[in-house]
Amino acid sequence: MQDSRMKHMPTGIPSFDPVLSGGVPLGSVILLSGGPGGGNMEFAYSSVLSHARTKRGGKQNSADNICYPEEIIYFTFTKLESSVRREIELSFRADSDSFDGTVRFIDLSKIYFDASVVPREWYSKTDIVETLRTRHHESESLIGELTKQLGTIAAGSLIIFDSLTEIATQAATESEWRQFISFLRGLQRVSKHWKTTYYLLISDSIFEPRRMAEIKDCCDAVIDFEWEETGGRRRQRVMFIEKFRIVMPALEEQDFVKFAVRITAEGGFEVSNIRMVI
């Protein structure tokens, strides 16, 4: 379906990677957009868990166009690492040591909450004196610290932002919003040089249409996750590929744009074998 000379990184979702000829193009910034329970979080969780298992098992595809991530990095902005790990383990029946030595969690919640009205004792064990002593060594903003951390990650990695919503909602003024959009455009540009794949999770219903359109414009791919009524008071999760740099023409040619989805403890995130033509 795609140019065989192009390098791809698997999503780790067996029912979806064949549609993409093995995975997503290296250097893709992918927006995973959805409402509550739509499936975008489970997509990211399944991908991370699959890559973690592959790293632990030392199994890699020998195909010339397939590249597995050098590092798997999971950024959290309000959640604890232990909470994310526990949620994945309980949801998909993973071993408690699945991520040991395979996934690096980077927690930026202290910077996020330092700029809020949340009491310090809710998120930090550091007293106010120590906080003031060390604050001048830290970046002035969440985006500043995030940028600094991204520069330490090996090229060809898989990076997850959990979630972009928490960064975007801090842009209260128009000037701050412009800085946020500039950061996304810079990320899209440098991702091609670093050959790094990004999953940016976002809650789509929070932002006004103009701002959501700006965010989408900064990404190479936009995948929407939502519930769809199927009749008889039943609902079905669906995954809709809104745009995908380079691969979209081939997907539309094969009518591979909208998919039925299910999430199971055994298989994780699964794409239906039945394609939905729109």
C-alpha atoms as a PDB file:
ATOM      1  CA  MET A   1       0.000   0.000   0.000  1.00  0.00           C
ATOM      2  CA  GLN A   2       2.894   2.348   0.776  1.00  0.00           C
ATOM      3  CA  ASP A   3       6.346   2.935  -0.655  1.00  0.00           C
ATOM      4  CA  SER A   4       8.423  -0.056   0.403  1.00  0.00           C
ATOM      5  CA  ARG A   5      11.468   2.217   0.787  1.00  0.00           C
ATOM      6  CA  MET A   6       9.779   4.198   3.554  1.00  0.00           C
ATOM      7  CA  LYS A   7      10.532   3.199   7.134  1.00  0.00           C
ATOM      8  CA  HIS A   8       7.545   2.377   9.353  1.00  0.00           C
ATOM      9  CA  MET A   9       7.115   1.962  13.089  1.00  0.00           C
ATOM     10  CA  PRO A  10       4.447  -0.597  14.100  1.00  0.00           C
ATOM     11  CA  THR A  11       1.619   0.581  16.305  1.00  0.00           C
ATOM     12  CA  GLY A  12       1.791  -2.821  17.961  1.00  0.00           C
ATOM     13  CA  ILE A  13      -1.897  -3.409  17.229  1.00  0.00           C
ATOM     14  CA  PRO A  14      -1.967  -6.589  15.072  1.00  0.00           C
ATOM     15  CA  SER A  15      -5.345  -5.849  13.504  1.00  0.00           C
ATOM     16  CA  PHE A  16      -4.314  -2.341  12.417  1.00  0.00           C
ATOM     17  CA  ASP A  17      -0.665  -2.534  11.331  1.00  0.00           C
ATOM     18  CA  PRO A  18      -1.387  -4.545   8.141  1.00  0.00           C
ATOM     19  CA  VAL A  19      -3.657  -1.708   6.976  1.00  0.00           C
ATOM     20  CA  LEU A  20      -0.637   0.618   7.299  1.00  0.00           C
ATOM     21  CA  SER A  21       1.770  -1.785   5.570  1.00  0.00           C
ATOM     22  CA  GLY A  22       3.429  -2.546   8.877  1.00  0.00           C
ATOM     23  CA  GLY A  23       3.068   0.692  10.787  1.00  0.00           C
ATOM     24  CA  VAL A  24       3.124   4.485  10.695  1.00  0.00           C
ATOM     25  CA  PRO A  25       5.797   6.447   8.783  1.00  0.00           C
ATOM     26  CA  LEU A  26       8.749   7.324  11.009  1.00  0.00           C
ATOM     27  CA  GLY A  27       8.599  10.897  12.227  1.00  0.00           C
ATOM     28  CA  SER A  28       4.810  11.059  12.494  1.00  0.00           C
ATOM     29  CA  VAL A  29       3.008  13.292  14.988  1.00  0.00           C
ATOM     30  CA  ILE A  30      -0.314  11.507  15.558  1.00  0.00           C
ATOM     31  CA  LEU A  31      -3.242  13.137  17.328  1.00  0.00           C
ATOM     32  CA  LEU A  32      -5.464  10.588  19.084  1.00  0.00           C
ATOM     33  CA  SER A  33      -8.681  12.519  19.590  1.00  0.00           C
ATOM     34  CA  GLY A  34     -11.749  11.304  21.443  1.00  0.00           C
ATOM     35  CA  GLY A  35     -14.352  11.736  24.120  1.00  0.00           C
ATOM     36  CA  PRO A  36     -14.769   9.761  27.347  1.00  0.00           C
ATOM     37  CA  GLY A  37     -14.360   6.033  26.732  1.00  0.00           C
ATOM     38  CA  GLY A  38     -14.020   6.475  22.978  1.00  0.00           C
ATOM     39  CA  GLY A  39     -10.861   4.380  22.779  1.00  0.00           C
ATOM     40  CA  ASN A  40      -7.987   6.806  22.190  1.00  0.00           C
ATOM     41  CA  MET A  41      -6.471   6.049  25.588  1.00  0.00           C
ATOM     42  CA  GLU A  42      -6.816   2.297  25.044  1.00  0.00           C
ATOM     43  CA  PHE A  43      -5.153   2.632  21.624  1.00  0.00           C
ATOM     44  CA  ALA A  44      -2.126   4.264  23.259  1.00  0.00           C
ATOM     45  CA  TYR A  45      -2.080   1.791  26.158  1.00  0.00           C
ATOM     46  CA  SER A  46      -2.238  -1.208  23.796  1.00  0.00           C
ATOM     47  CA  SER A  47       0.560   0.176  21.650  1.00  0.00           C
ATOM     48  CA  VAL A  48       2.826   0.864  24.637  1.00  0.00           C
ATOM     49  CA  LEU A  49       2.177  -2.556  26.150  1.00  0.00           C
ATOM     50  CA  SER A  50       2.816  -4.331  22.844  1.00  0.00           C
ATOM     51  CA  HIS A  51       6.131  -2.534  22.316  1.00  0.00           C
ATOM     52  CA  ALA A  52       7.142  -3.176  25.934  1.00  0.00           C
ATOM     53  CA  ARG A  53       6.534  -6.897  25.472  1.00  0.00           C
ATOM     54  CA  THR A  54       8.489  -6.891  22.204  1.00  0.00           C
ATOM     55  CA  LYS A  55      11.440  -5.189  23.892  1.00  0.00           C
ATOM     56  CA  ARG A  56      11.411  -7.632  26.788  1.00  0.00           C
ATOM     57  CA  GLY A  57      11.188 -10.606  24.459  1.00  0.00           C
ATOM     58  CA  GLY A  58      13.841  -9.317  22.085  1.00  0.00           C
ATOM     59  CA  LYS A  59      11.578 -10.108  19.122  1.00  0.00           C
ATOM     60  CA  GLN A  60      11.840  -7.781  16.151  1.00  0.00           C
ATOM     61  CA  ASN A  61      10.597  -7.959  12.596  1.00  0.00           C
ATOM     62  CA  SER A  62      13.381  -8.560  10.117  1.00  0.00           C
ATOM     63  CA  ALA A  63      11.651  -6.584   7.335  1.00  0.00           C
ATOM     64  CA  ASP A  64      13.868  -3.797   5.996  1.00  0.00           C
ATOM     65  CA  ASN A  65      11.121  -1.175   6.228  1.00  0.00           C
ATOM     66  CA  ILE A  66      10.101  -1.914   9.846  1.00  0.00           C
ATOM     67  CA  CYS A  67      11.749  -0.064  12.756  1.00  0.00           C
ATOM     68  CA  TYR A  68      10.963  -0.648  16.415  1.00  0.00           C
ATOM     69  CA  PRO A  69      11.370   2.252  18.857  1.00  0.00           C
ATOM     70  CA  GLU A  70      14.775   2.912  20.374  1.00  0.00           C
ATOM     71  CA  GLU A  71      13.023   4.140  23.516  1.00  0.00           C
ATOM     72  CA  ILE A  72       9.419   4.161  24.717  1.00  0.00           C
ATOM     73  CA  ILE A  73       8.744   7.377  26.611  1.00  0.00           C
ATOM     74  CA  TYR A  74       5.487   8.121  28.426  1.00  0.00           C
ATOM     75  CA  PHE A  75       4.983  11.725  29.579  1.00  0.00           C
ATOM     76  CA  THR A  76       2.437  12.396  32.314  1.00  0.00           C
ATOM     77  CA  PHE A  77       1.316  15.887  33.299  1.00  0.00           C
ATOM     78  CA  THR A  78      -1.149  15.219  36.123  1.00  0.00           C
ATOM     79  CA  LYS A  79      -1.132  11.440  36.614  1.00  0.00           C
ATOM     80  CA  LEU A  80       1.208   9.319  38.684  1.00  0.00           C
ATOM     81  CA  GLU A  81       3.363   6.774  36.861  1.00  0.00           C
ATOM     82  CA  SER A  82       2.030   4.114  39.228  1.00  0.00           C
ATOM     83  CA  SER A  83      -1.557   4.988  38.275  1.00  0.00           C
ATOM     84  CA  VAL A  84      -0.874   4.623  34.539  1.00  0.00           C
ATOM     85  CA  ARG A  85       0.976   1.353  35.004  1.00  0.00           C
ATOM     86  CA  ARG A  86      -1.741  -0.033  37.262  1.00  0.00           C
ATOM     87  CA  GLU A  87      -4.514   0.944  34.845  1.00  0.00           C
ATOM     88  CA  ILE A  88      -2.784  -0.793  31.930  1.00  0.00           C
ATOM     89  CA  GLU A  89      -2.019  -3.888  34.003  1.00  0.00           C
ATOM     90  CA  LEU A  90      -5.604  -4.262  35.236  1.00  0.00           C
ATOM     91  CA  SER A  91      -7.213  -3.397  31.894  1.00  0.00           C
ATOM     92  CA  PHE A  92      -5.135  -5.749  29.767  1.00  0.00           C
ATOM     93  CA  ARG A  93      -3.990  -8.398  32.254  1.00  0.00           C
ATOM     94  CA  ALA A  94      -0.353  -7.421  31.984  1.00  0.00           C
ATOM     95  CA  ASP A  95       2.370  -8.558  34.371  1.00  0.00           C
ATOM     96  CA  SER A  96       3.371  -6.015  37.001  1.00  0.00           C
ATOM     97  CA  ASP A  97       6.918  -5.917  35.613  1.00  0.00           C
ATOM     98  CA  SER A  98       5.852  -5.417  31.977  1.00  0.00           C
ATOM     99  CA  PHE A  99       7.353  -1.917  31.827  1.00  0.00           C
ATOM    100  CA  ASP A 100      10.511  -2.483  33.862  1.00  0.00           C
ATOM    101  CA  GLY A 101      13.458  -1.604  31.650  1.00  0.00           C
ATOM    102  CA  THR A 102      11.256  -1.037  28.612  1.00  0.00           C
ATOM    103  CA  VAL A 103       9.194   2.128  29.203  1.00  0.00           C
ATOM    104  CA  ARG A 104      10.545   5.342  30.712  1.00  0.00           C
ATOM    105  CA  PHE A 105       7.942   7.482  32.449  1.00  0.00           C
ATOM    106  CA  ILE A 106       8.593  11.218  32.779  1.00  0.00           C
ATOM    107  CA  ASP A 107       6.337  12.949  35.302  1.00  0.00           C
ATOM    108  CA  LEU A 108       5.937  16.721  34.834  1.00  0.00           C
ATOM    109  CA  SER A 109       2.992  17.047  37.195  1.00  0.00           C
ATOM    110  CA  LYS A 110       4.918  19.167  39.717  1.00  0.00           C
ATOM    111  CA  ILE A 111       5.408  21.938  37.136  1.00  0.00           C
ATOM    112  CA  TYR A 112       1.766  21.647  36.060  1.00  0.00           C
ATOM    113  CA  PHE A 113       0.397  21.922  39.594  1.00  0.00           C
ATOM    114  CA  ASP A 114       2.895  24.598  40.685  1.00  0.00           C
ATOM    115  CA  ALA A 115       1.051  26.953  38.318  1.00  0.00           C
ATOM    116  CA  SER A 116      -2.343  26.039  39.792  1.00  0.00           C
ATOM    117  CA  VAL A 117      -4.309  26.652  42.989  1.00  0.00           C
ATOM    118  CA  VAL A 118      -3.885  23.019  44.061  1.00  0.00           C
ATOM    119  CA  PRO A 119      -2.326  22.782  47.545  1.00  0.00           C
ATOM    120  CA  ARG A 120       1.322  21.680  47.373  1.00  0.00           C
ATOM    121  CA  GLU A 121       0.801  18.819  49.801  1.00  0.00           C
ATOM    122  CA  TRP A 122      -1.582  17.201  47.320  1.00  0.00           C
ATOM    123  CA  TYR A 123       1.109  16.597  44.722  1.00  0.00           C
ATOM    124  CA  SER A 124       4.520  17.066  46.329  1.00  0.00           C
ATOM    125  CA  LYS A 125       6.335  15.967  49.469  1.00  0.00           C
ATOM    126  CA  THR A 126       8.736  18.893  49.161  1.00  0.00           C
ATOM    127  CA  ASP A 127       8.211  21.737  51.630  1.00  0.00           C
ATOM    128  CA  ILE A 128       7.856  25.362  50.533  1.00  0.00           C
ATOM    129  CA  VAL A 129      11.452  26.297  51.497  1.00  0.00           C
ATOM    130  CA  GLU A 130      12.938  23.519  49.361  1.00  0.00           C
ATOM    131  CA  THR A 131      10.556  24.366  46.516  1.00  0.00           C
ATOM    132  CA  LEU A 132      11.682  28.012  46.477  1.00  0.00           C
ATOM    133  CA  ARG A 133      15.338  26.963  46.671  1.00  0.00           C
ATOM    134  CA  THR A 134      15.122  24.682  43.637  1.00  0.00           C
ATOM    135  CA  ARG A 135      12.574  26.546  41.522  1.00  0.00           C
ATOM    136  CA  HIS A 136      15.155  28.792  39.853  1.00  0.00           C
ATOM    137  CA  HIS A 137      16.822  25.678  38.430  1.00  0.00           C
ATOM    138  CA  GLU A 138      13.640  24.578  36.716  1.00  0.00           C
ATOM    139  CA  SER A 139      12.137  25.700  33.425  1.00  0.00           C
ATOM    140  CA  GLU A 140       9.672  28.544  33.649  1.00  0.00           C
ATOM    141  CA  SER A 141       6.860  26.661  31.976  1.00  0.00           C
ATOM    142  CA  LEU A 142       5.506  23.206  31.300  1.00  0.00           C
ATOM    143  CA  ILE A 143       6.322  23.529  27.596  1.00  0.00           C
ATOM    144  CA  GLY A 144       9.840  24.713  28.438  1.00  0.00           C
ATOM    145  CA  GLU A 145      10.552  21.681  30.602  1.00  0.00           C
ATOM    146  CA  LEU A 146       8.909  19.362  28.078  1.00  0.00           C
ATOM    147  CA  THR A 147      11.112  20.761  25.312  1.00  0.00           C
ATOM    148  CA  LYS A 148      14.177  20.251  27.471  1.00  0.00           C
ATOM    149  CA  GLN A 149      13.237  16.628  28.186  1.00  0.00           C
ATOM    150  CA  LEU A 150      12.525  15.861  24.520  1.00  0.00           C
ATOM    151  CA  GLY A 151      16.095  16.836  23.688  1.00  0.00           C
ATOM    152  CA  THR A 152      17.419  13.987  25.858  1.00  0.00           C
ATOM    153  CA  ILE A 153      15.511  11.195  24.092  1.00  0.00           C
ATOM    154  CA  ALA A 154      17.135   8.925  21.510  1.00  0.00           C
ATOM    155  CA  ALA A 155      16.183   9.372  17.868  1.00  0.00           C
ATOM    156  CA  GLY A 156      13.727   6.821  16.497  1.00  0.00           C
ATOM    157  CA  SER A 157      11.708   6.586  19.717  1.00  0.00           C
ATOM    158  CA  LEU A 158       7.994   6.357  20.500  1.00  0.00           C
ATOM    159  CA  ILE A 159       6.736   9.187  22.726  1.00  0.00           C
ATOM    160  CA  ILE A 160       3.289   9.483  24.302  1.00  0.00           C
ATOM    161  CA  PHE A 161       1.823  12.708  25.718  1.00  0.00           C
ATOM    162  CA  ASP A 162      -0.808  11.899  28.351  1.00  0.00           C
ATOM    163  CA  SER A 163      -2.387  14.236  27.563  1.00  0.00           C
ATOM    164  CA  LEU A 164      -2.098  17.226  25.227  1.00  0.00           C
ATOM    165  CA  THR A 165      -5.311  18.566  26.760  1.00  0.00           C
ATOM    166  CA  GLU A 166      -3.483  19.397  29.982  1.00  0.00           C
ATOM    167  CA  ILE A 167      -0.888  21.467  28.124  1.00  0.00           C
ATOM    168  CA  ALA A 168      -3.335  23.258  25.829  1.00  0.00           C
ATOM    169  CA  THR A 169      -5.728  24.291  28.583  1.00  0.00           C
ATOM    170  CA  GLN A 170      -2.888  26.174  30.305  1.00  0.00           C
ATOM    171  CA  ALA A 171      -2.787  28.560  27.339  1.00  0.00           C
ATOM    172  CA  ALA A 172      -5.230  31.055  28.834  1.00  0.00           C
ATOM    173  CA  THR A 173      -4.265  34.125  26.790  1.00  0.00           C
ATOM    174  CA  GLU A 174      -3.995  34.531  23.028  1.00  0.00           C
ATOM    175  CA  SER A 175      -0.240  34.980  23.367  1.00  0.00           C
ATOM    176  CA  GLU A 176       0.080  31.741  25.331  1.00  0.00           C
ATOM    177  CA  TRP A 177      -2.032  29.951  22.732  1.00  0.00           C
ATOM    178  CA  ARG A 178       0.267  31.166  19.950  1.00  0.00           C
ATOM    179  CA  GLN A 179       3.243  29.827  21.899  1.00  0.00           C
ATOM    180  CA  PHE A 180       1.518  26.471  22.288  1.00  0.00           C
ATOM    181  CA  ILE A 181       0.761  26.249  18.547  1.00  0.00           C
ATOM    182  CA  SER A 182       4.351  27.256  17.751  1.00  0.00           C
ATOM    183  CA  PHE A 183       5.541  24.414  19.984  1.00  0.00           C
ATOM    184  CA  LEU A 184       3.368  21.914  18.066  1.00  0.00           C
ATOM    185  CA  ARG A 185       4.606  23.174  14.702  1.00  0.00           C
ATOM    186  CA  GLY A 186       8.191  22.929  15.911  1.00  0.00           C
ATOM    187  CA  LEU A 187       7.525  19.400  17.177  1.00  0.00           C
ATOM    188  CA  GLN A 188       6.100  18.382  13.811  1.00  0.00           C
ATOM    189  CA  ARG A 189       9.179  19.760  12.074  1.00  0.00           C
ATOM    190  CA  VAL A 190      11.825  18.225  14.340  1.00  0.00           C
ATOM    191  CA  SER A 191      10.054  14.842  14.447  1.00  0.00           C
ATOM    192  CA  LYS A 192      11.173  14.283  10.843  1.00  0.00           C
ATOM    193  CA  HIS A 193      14.801  14.951  11.772  1.00  0.00           C
ATOM    194  CA  TRP A 194      14.614  12.759  14.885  1.00  0.00           C
ATOM    195  CA  LYS A 195      12.513  10.093  13.095  1.00  0.00           C
ATOM    196  CA  THR A 196      10.491   9.898  16.294  1.00  0.00           C
ATOM    197  CA  THR A 197       6.804   8.974  16.494  1.00  0.00           C
ATOM    198  CA  TYR A 198       4.474  10.868  18.815  1.00  0.00           C
ATOM    199  CA  TYR A 199       1.031   9.975  20.151  1.00  0.00           C
ATOM    200  CA  LEU A 200      -0.736  13.092  21.429  1.00  0.00           C
ATOM    201  CA  LEU A 201      -3.904  12.255  23.355  1.00  0.00           C
ATOM    202  CA  ILE A 202      -6.563  14.951  23.475  1.00  0.00           C
ATOM    203  CA  SER A 203     -10.179  15.374  24.615  1.00  0.00           C
ATOM    204  CA  ASP A 204     -11.792  16.798  21.498  1.00  0.00           C
ATOM    205  CA  SER A 205     -14.951  18.267  23.051  1.00  0.00           C
ATOM    206  CA  ILE A 206     -13.098  20.707  25.331  1.00  0.00           C
ATOM    207  CA  PHE A 207     -11.871  23.143  22.674  1.00  0.00           C
ATOM    208  CA  GLU A 208     -13.780  25.456  20.385  1.00  0.00           C
ATOM    209  CA  PRO A 209     -13.723  24.357  16.706  1.00  0.00           C
ATOM    210  CA  ARG A 210     -11.209  27.014  15.582  1.00  0.00           C
ATOM    211  CA  ARG A 211      -8.650  26.013  18.175  1.00  0.00           C
ATOM    212  CA  MET A 212      -9.184  22.312  17.586  1.00  0.00           C
ATOM    213  CA  ALA A 213      -8.637  22.887  13.865  1.00  0.00           C
ATOM    214  CA  GLU A 214      -5.325  24.642  14.622  1.00  0.00           C
ATOM    215  CA  ILE A 215      -4.140  21.699  16.713  1.00  0.00           C
ATOM    216  CA  LYS A 216      -5.076  19.224  13.993  1.00  0.00           C
ATOM    217  CA  ASP A 217      -3.272  21.305  11.385  1.00  0.00           C
ATOM    218  CA  CYS A 218      -0.027  20.860  13.345  1.00  0.00           C
ATOM    219  CA  CYS A 219      -0.213  17.051  13.216  1.00  0.00           C
ATOM    220  CA  ASP A 220       0.675  14.564  10.500  1.00  0.00           C
ATOM    221  CA  ALA A 221      -2.234  12.308  11.381  1.00  0.00           C
ATOM    222  CA  VAL A 222      -5.546  12.764  13.159  1.00  0.00           C
ATOM    223  CA  ILE A 223      -7.388   9.669  14.365  1.00  0.00           C
ATOM    224  CA  ASP A 224     -10.795  10.217  15.956  1.00  0.00           C
ATOM    225  CA  PHE A 225     -12.334   7.759  18.428  1.00  0.00           C
ATOM    226  CA  GLU A 226     -16.031   7.932  19.230  1.00  0.00           C
ATOM    227  CA  TRP A 227     -19.200   6.057  20.048  1.00  0.00           C
ATOM    228  CA  GLU A 228     -21.690   5.492  17.235  1.00  0.00           C
ATOM    229  CA  GLU A 229     -25.328   4.471  17.566  1.00  0.00           C
ATOM    230  CA  THR A 230     -26.041   1.163  15.800  1.00  0.00           C
ATOM    231  CA  GLY A 231     -29.755   0.820  16.491  1.00  0.00           C
ATOM    232  CA  GLY A 232     -31.629  -1.174  19.082  1.00  0.00           C
ATOM    233  CA  ARG A 233     -30.185   1.015  21.840  1.00  0.00           C
ATOM    234  CA  ARG A 234     -26.735  -0.346  21.104  1.00  0.00           C
ATOM    235  CA  ARG A 235     -23.522   1.580  20.604  1.00  0.00           C
ATOM    236  CA  GLN A 236     -20.317   0.680  18.781  1.00  0.00           C
ATOM    237  CA  ARG A 237     -16.891   2.242  19.161  1.00  0.00           C
ATOM    238  CA  VAL A 238     -15.516   3.473  15.838  1.00  0.00           C
ATOM    239  CA  MET A 239     -12.114   4.764  14.780  1.00  0.00           C
ATOM    240  CA  PHE A 240     -12.077   7.336  12.003  1.00  0.00           C
ATOM    241  CA  ILE A 241      -8.880   8.396  10.223  1.00  0.00           C
ATOM    242  CA  GLU A 242      -9.458  12.080   9.541  1.00  0.00           C
ATOM    243  CA  LYS A 243      -6.068  12.654   7.955  1.00  0.00           C
ATOM    244  CA  PHE A 244      -2.781  10.808   7.638  1.00  0.00           C
ATOM    245  CA  ARG A 245       0.250  12.300   5.909  1.00  0.00           C
ATOM    246  CA  ILE A 246       1.537  10.231   2.969  1.00  0.00           C
ATOM    247  CA  VAL A 247      -0.683   7.180   3.565  1.00  0.00           C
ATOM    248  CA  MET A 248      -4.134   8.797   3.282  1.00  0.00           C
ATOM    249  CA  PRO A 249      -4.502   8.410  -0.536  1.00  0.00           C
ATOM    250  CA  ALA A 250      -3.859   4.669  -0.300  1.00  0.00           C
ATOM    251  CA  LEU A 251      -6.237   4.291   2.645  1.00  0.00           C
ATOM    252  CA  GLU A 252      -9.059   6.035   0.815  1.00  0.00           C
ATOM    253  CA  GLU A 253      -8.376   4.017  -2.330  1.00  0.00           C
ATOM    254  CA  GLN A 254      -8.979   0.844  -0.324  1.00  0.00           C
ATOM    255  CA  ASP A 255     -11.904   2.360   1.651  1.00  0.00           C
ATOM    256  CA  PHE A 256      -9.836   1.948   4.828  1.00  0.00           C
ATOM    257  CA  VAL A 257     -10.882   5.114   6.641  1.00  0.00           C
ATOM    258  CA  LYS A 258     -13.476   4.189   9.244  1.00  0.00           C
ATOM    259  CA  PHE A 259     -13.271   1.064  11.397  1.00  0.00           C
ATOM    260  CA  ALA A 260     -15.383  -0.680  14.000  1.00  0.00           C
ATOM    261  CA  VAL A 261     -13.393  -1.115  17.211  1.00  0.00           C
ATOM    262  CA  ARG A 262     -13.571  -3.239  20.323  1.00  0.00           C
ATOM    263  CA  ILE A 263     -11.475  -3.370  23.481  1.00  0.00           C
ATOM    264  CA  THR A 264     -10.874  -6.620  25.341  1.00  0.00           C
ATOM    265  CA  ALA A 265      -8.724  -7.638  28.298  1.00  0.00           C
ATOM    266  CA  GLU A 266      -7.042 -10.371  26.242  1.00  0.00           C
ATOM    267  CA  GLY A 267      -6.495  -8.577  22.938  1.00  0.00           C
ATOM    268  CA  GLY A 268      -6.405  -4.950  24.034  1.00  0.00           C
ATOM    269  CA  PHE A 269      -7.437  -2.497  21.335  1.00  0.00           C
ATOM    270  CA  GLU A 270      -8.726  -4.378  18.271  1.00  0.00           C
ATOM    271  CA  VAL A 271      -9.822  -3.099  14.870  1.00  0.00           C
ATOM    272  CA  SER A 272     -12.673  -4.981  13.215  1.00  0.00           C
ATOM    273  CA  ASN A 273     -11.855  -7.045  10.140  1.00  0.00           C
ATOM    274  CA  ILE A 274     -14.949  -5.583   8.489  1.00  0.00           C
ATOM    275  CA  ARG A 275     -14.106  -2.289   6.854  1.00  0.00           C
ATOM    276  CA  MET A 276     -16.689   0.446   6.952  1.00  0.00           C
ATOM    277  CA  VAL A 277     -16.950   2.318   3.651  1.00  0.00           C
ATOM    278  CA  ILE A 278     -17.951   5.973   3.947  1.00  0.00           C
END
